[in-house]
């Protein structure tokens, strides 16, 4: 059986991180599936989904990492073409990817002790973001 759930979050952009573990867990619970795989997906080219230990030091380190490997101030050919200033956002999002699959059993996500599902909005403006959770199981 396949069950699809959707939720939205308001984001500020510029490496705005959100712990979405509870929302994904709630989707699994509401699905009434006992076990399977939950795929969490952002239909966006400037945001990503991953797992991290969601605490202030890690979040600051993660933001600093992205500034070192895809700095906002660099010249991006994407900006030359579209003049929207978010070339760095596309590069950062591509490094992490738009989705994450997490197994679940007994209607509970199977995550490590400190592992939390994290949505990151890399874009250069505020927006509402859509997140899809699609569960396959029984």
Protein backbone atom coordinates (compact mmCIF):
# COMPACT_ATOMS: atom_id res chain seq x y z
CA UNK A 1 0.00 0.00 0.00
CA UNK A 2 1.15 3.54 -0.74
CA UNK A 3 0.08 6.51 1.40
CA UNK A 4 1.03 10.11 0.61
CA UNK A 5 0.96 12.98 3.12
CA UNK A 6 1.86 16.64 2.60
CA UNK A 7 2.66 19.50 4.96
CA UNK A 8 3.97 23.06 4.62
CA UNK A 9 6.43 25.18 6.57
CA UNK A 10 7.24 28.87 6.46
CA UNK A 11 10.94 29.47 5.77
CA UNK A 12 13.29 32.44 5.89
CA UNK A 13 15.84 31.07 3.39
CA UNK A 14 19.61 31.49 3.74
CA UNK A 15 20.23 28.06 5.34
CA UNK A 16 17.04 28.12 7.43
CA UNK A 17 16.89 24.70 9.11
CA UNK A 18 13.79 22.97 10.48
CA UNK A 19 13.53 19.76 12.48
CA UNK A 20 10.68 17.93 10.73
CA UNK A 21 11.05 14.60 12.54
CA UNK A 22 7.79 15.02 14.48
CA UNK A 23 5.83 15.94 11.35
CA UNK A 24 7.18 12.92 9.46
CA UNK A 25 6.50 10.68 12.45
CA UNK A 26 2.93 12.00 12.63
CA UNK A 27 2.47 11.17 8.94
CA UNK A 28 3.65 7.61 9.56
CA UNK A 29 1.27 7.31 12.53
CA UNK A 30 -1.67 8.67 10.53
CA UNK A 31 -0.98 6.30 7.63
CA UNK A 32 -1.91 3.28 9.75
CA UNK A 33 0.84 1.31 8.00
CA UNK A 34 2.69 -0.94 10.44
CA UNK A 35 6.00 -1.10 8.62
CA UNK A 36 7.70 0.06 5.47
CA UNK A 37 9.69 2.96 4.08
CA UNK A 38 8.87 6.66 4.37
CA UNK A 39 10.38 8.87 1.70
CA UNK A 40 10.52 12.55 2.60
CA UNK A 41 10.77 14.81 -0.45
CA UNK A 42 10.94 18.54 -1.12
CA UNK A 43 9.75 19.55 -4.60
CA UNK A 44 12.23 22.41 -4.77
CA UNK A 45 15.57 23.05 -6.45
CA UNK A 46 16.80 25.29 -3.60
CA UNK A 47 16.04 23.20 -0.52
CA UNK A 48 17.17 19.82 0.80
CA UNK A 49 16.45 17.12 3.33
CA UNK A 50 18.98 15.24 5.46
CA UNK A 51 19.54 13.98 9.00
CA UNK A 52 21.63 15.73 11.63
CA UNK A 53 21.88 15.98 15.37
CA UNK A 54 19.59 18.99 15.59
CA UNK A 55 21.34 21.20 18.15
CA UNK A 56 22.60 24.77 17.92
CA UNK A 57 26.31 23.93 17.58
CA UNK A 58 25.71 21.45 14.78
CA UNK A 59 23.36 23.85 12.99
CA UNK A 60 25.97 26.64 13.15
CA UNK A 61 28.68 24.25 11.93
CA UNK A 62 26.47 23.10 9.05
CA UNK A 63 25.75 26.68 7.98
CA UNK A 64 29.48 27.54 8.13
CA UNK A 65 30.31 24.45 6.07
CA UNK A 66 28.01 25.53 3.26
CA UNK A 67 29.47 29.03 3.26
CA UNK A 68 32.92 27.45 2.81
CA UNK A 69 31.97 25.07 0.00
CA UNK A 70 29.38 27.18 -1.86
CA UNK A 71 29.75 30.78 -0.69
CA UNK A 72 27.00 33.29 -1.38
CA UNK A 73 29.53 35.87 -2.58
CA UNK A 74 30.95 33.75 -5.39
CA UNK A 75 30.02 34.42 -8.99
CA UNK A 76 27.52 31.86 -10.26
CA UNK A 77 26.66 31.48 -13.93
CA UNK A 78 23.08 30.75 -12.87
CA UNK A 79 22.89 34.33 -11.54
CA UNK A 80 24.32 35.67 -14.82
CA UNK A 81 21.53 33.94 -16.71
CA UNK A 82 18.52 34.51 -14.42
CA UNK A 83 19.65 37.51 -12.31
CA UNK A 84 17.92 36.08 -9.23
CA UNK A 85 21.00 35.87 -6.99
CA UNK A 86 20.32 32.34 -5.78
CA UNK A 87 22.96 30.34 -7.64
CA UNK A 88 24.50 29.36 -4.30
CA UNK A 89 21.11 28.00 -3.20
CA UNK A 90 20.91 25.61 -6.14
CA UNK A 91 24.46 24.34 -5.62
CA UNK A 92 23.94 23.78 -1.89
CA UNK A 93 20.64 21.97 -2.40
CA UNK A 94 22.16 19.73 -5.06
CA UNK A 95 24.92 18.67 -2.67
CA UNK A 96 22.42 17.24 -0.16
CA UNK A 97 19.55 16.27 -2.41
CA UNK A 98 15.77 16.67 -2.23
CA UNK A 99 14.85 13.44 -0.45
CA UNK A 100 15.55 10.99 2.33
CA UNK A 101 14.18 7.49 2.89
CA UNK A 102 13.65 6.25 6.45
CA UNK A 103 12.41 2.77 7.39
CA UNK A 104 9.64 2.40 9.96
CA UNK A 105 8.37 -0.50 12.02
CA UNK A 106 5.44 -0.70 14.44
CA UNK A 107 4.43 2.74 13.07
CA UNK A 108 7.69 4.24 14.44
CA UNK A 109 10.53 5.76 12.41
CA UNK A 110 13.79 3.85 12.75
CA UNK A 111 16.34 6.58 13.44
CA UNK A 112 19.57 6.65 15.44
CA UNK A 113 19.59 8.15 18.92
CA UNK A 114 20.64 11.64 17.77
CA UNK A 115 19.41 11.44 14.20
CA UNK A 116 16.66 13.92 13.31
CA UNK A 117 15.12 14.63 9.93
CA UNK A 118 16.05 18.13 8.88
CA UNK A 119 14.69 20.36 6.12
CA UNK A 120 17.03 23.12 4.92
CA UNK A 121 15.88 26.09 2.86
CA UNK A 122 18.90 27.50 1.01
CA UNK A 123 17.06 30.06 -1.13
CA UNK A 124 17.63 33.81 -0.83
CA UNK A 125 14.07 34.78 0.15
CA UNK A 126 11.17 33.90 2.41
CA UNK A 127 8.62 31.37 1.16
CA UNK A 128 6.20 28.60 2.08
CA UNK A 129 7.75 25.20 1.47
CA UNK A 130 5.89 22.03 0.62
CA UNK A 131 7.11 18.70 1.95
CA UNK A 132 5.82 15.34 0.73
CA UNK A 133 5.99 12.16 2.82
CA UNK A 134 5.22 9.06 0.80
CA UNK A 135 5.04 5.79 2.68
CA UNK A 136 5.16 2.34 1.14
CA UNK A 137 4.36 -0.57 3.42
CA UNK A 138 1.76 -2.77 4.95
